[in-house]
Amino acid sequence: MRLFLTSEELEELTGRKRRKEQSETLTAMGIRWKTNAAGELIVGRSHVEKVLCGDEHSQQRERTRPNLEALGQ
């Protein structure tokens, strides 16, 4: 599997064909992107997966328990 999304994948993800519109859509989605020396957008595949699918660690909420000692019990 490739490290970066292909141009076809970027088009599918954003629903846009033009780079400017793709970059605006990616930013609105919370997906970080860069441009390479050729002016093409590069987007890390693993970053997209974390944003869209959620990071396993961030999905798990820590459950806090009440401090019963503070109540004097």
Protein backbone atom coordinates (compact mmCIF):
# COMPACT_ATOMS: atom_id res chain seq x y z
CA MET A 1 0.00 0.00 0.00
CA ARG A 2 1.23 3.47 -0.83
CA LEU A 3 2.33 6.00 1.78
CA PHE A 4 0.39 8.86 0.17
CA LEU A 5 -3.05 9.01 -1.43
CA THR A 6 -3.12 8.91 -5.23
CA SER A 7 -4.62 11.77 -7.22
CA GLU A 8 -7.63 9.55 -7.92
CA GLU A 9 -8.08 8.86 -4.22
CA LEU A 10 -7.84 12.58 -3.43
CA GLU A 11 -10.51 13.29 -6.00
CA GLU A 12 -12.75 10.59 -4.52
CA LEU A 13 -12.15 11.75 -0.96
CA THR A 14 -12.80 15.42 -1.62
CA GLY A 15 -15.27 15.19 -4.47
CA ARG A 16 -13.19 17.86 -6.21
CA LYS A 17 -10.89 17.82 -9.24
CA ARG A 18 -9.00 21.09 -8.82
CA ARG A 19 -6.13 21.25 -6.35
CA LYS A 20 -7.28 24.51 -4.77
CA GLU A 21 -10.74 23.10 -4.09
CA GLN A 22 -9.24 19.81 -2.89
CA SER A 23 -6.99 21.63 -0.42
CA GLU A 24 -9.90 23.70 0.89
CA THR A 25 -12.02 20.59 1.34
CA LEU A 26 -9.21 18.69 3.05
CA THR A 27 -8.67 21.58 5.45
CA ALA A 28 -12.40 21.71 6.24
CA MET A 29 -12.30 17.96 6.93
CA GLY A 30 -9.42 18.39 9.37
CA ILE A 31 -6.98 16.55 7.13
CA ARG A 32 -3.45 17.92 6.93
CA TRP A 33 -1.85 18.20 3.52
CA LYS A 34 1.34 19.51 1.90
CA THR A 35 2.39 20.33 -1.62
CA ASN A 36 5.40 18.72 -3.22
CA ALA A 37 7.91 20.37 -5.57
CA ALA A 38 5.62 19.67 -8.53
CA GLY A 39 2.77 21.55 -6.82
CA GLU A 40 0.75 18.39 -6.24
CA LEU A 41 -1.10 17.76 -3.01
CA ILE A 42 0.34 15.04 -0.81
CA VAL A 43 -1.76 13.51 1.92
CA GLY A 44 -0.62 10.74 4.22
CA ARG A 45 -2.78 7.66 4.02
CA SER A 46 -2.43 6.82 7.72
CA HIS A 47 -3.43 10.38 8.72
CA VAL A 48 -6.61 10.14 6.64
CA GLU A 49 -7.43 6.79 8.22
CA LYS A 50 -6.97 8.23 11.72
CA VAL A 51 -9.14 11.27 10.96
CA LEU A 52 -11.93 9.36 9.25
CA CYS A 53 -11.88 6.12 11.23
CA GLY A 54 -10.68 7.47 14.54
CA ASP A 55 -7.57 6.64 16.45
CA GLU A 56 -8.11 3.57 18.59
CA HIS A 57 -6.69 5.30 21.66
CA SER A 58 -8.69 8.48 21.24
CA GLN A 59 -11.91 6.50 20.77
CA GLN A 60 -11.64 4.91 24.20
CA ARG A 61 -12.89 7.27 26.84
CA GLU A 62 -11.33 7.06 30.23
CA ARG A 63 -13.95 6.46 32.83
CA THR A 64 -13.38 8.44 35.97
CA ARG A 65 -14.74 7.30 39.23
CA PRO A 66 -16.03 9.62 41.92
CA ASN A 67 -13.68 10.34 44.77
CA LEU A 68 -15.68 8.86 47.64
CA GLU A 69 -12.98 9.82 50.11
CA ALA A 70 -13.78 13.46 49.42
CA LEU A 71 -17.31 12.78 50.67
CA GLY A 72 -16.00 11.42 53.95
CA GLN A 73 -17.02 7.82 53.27
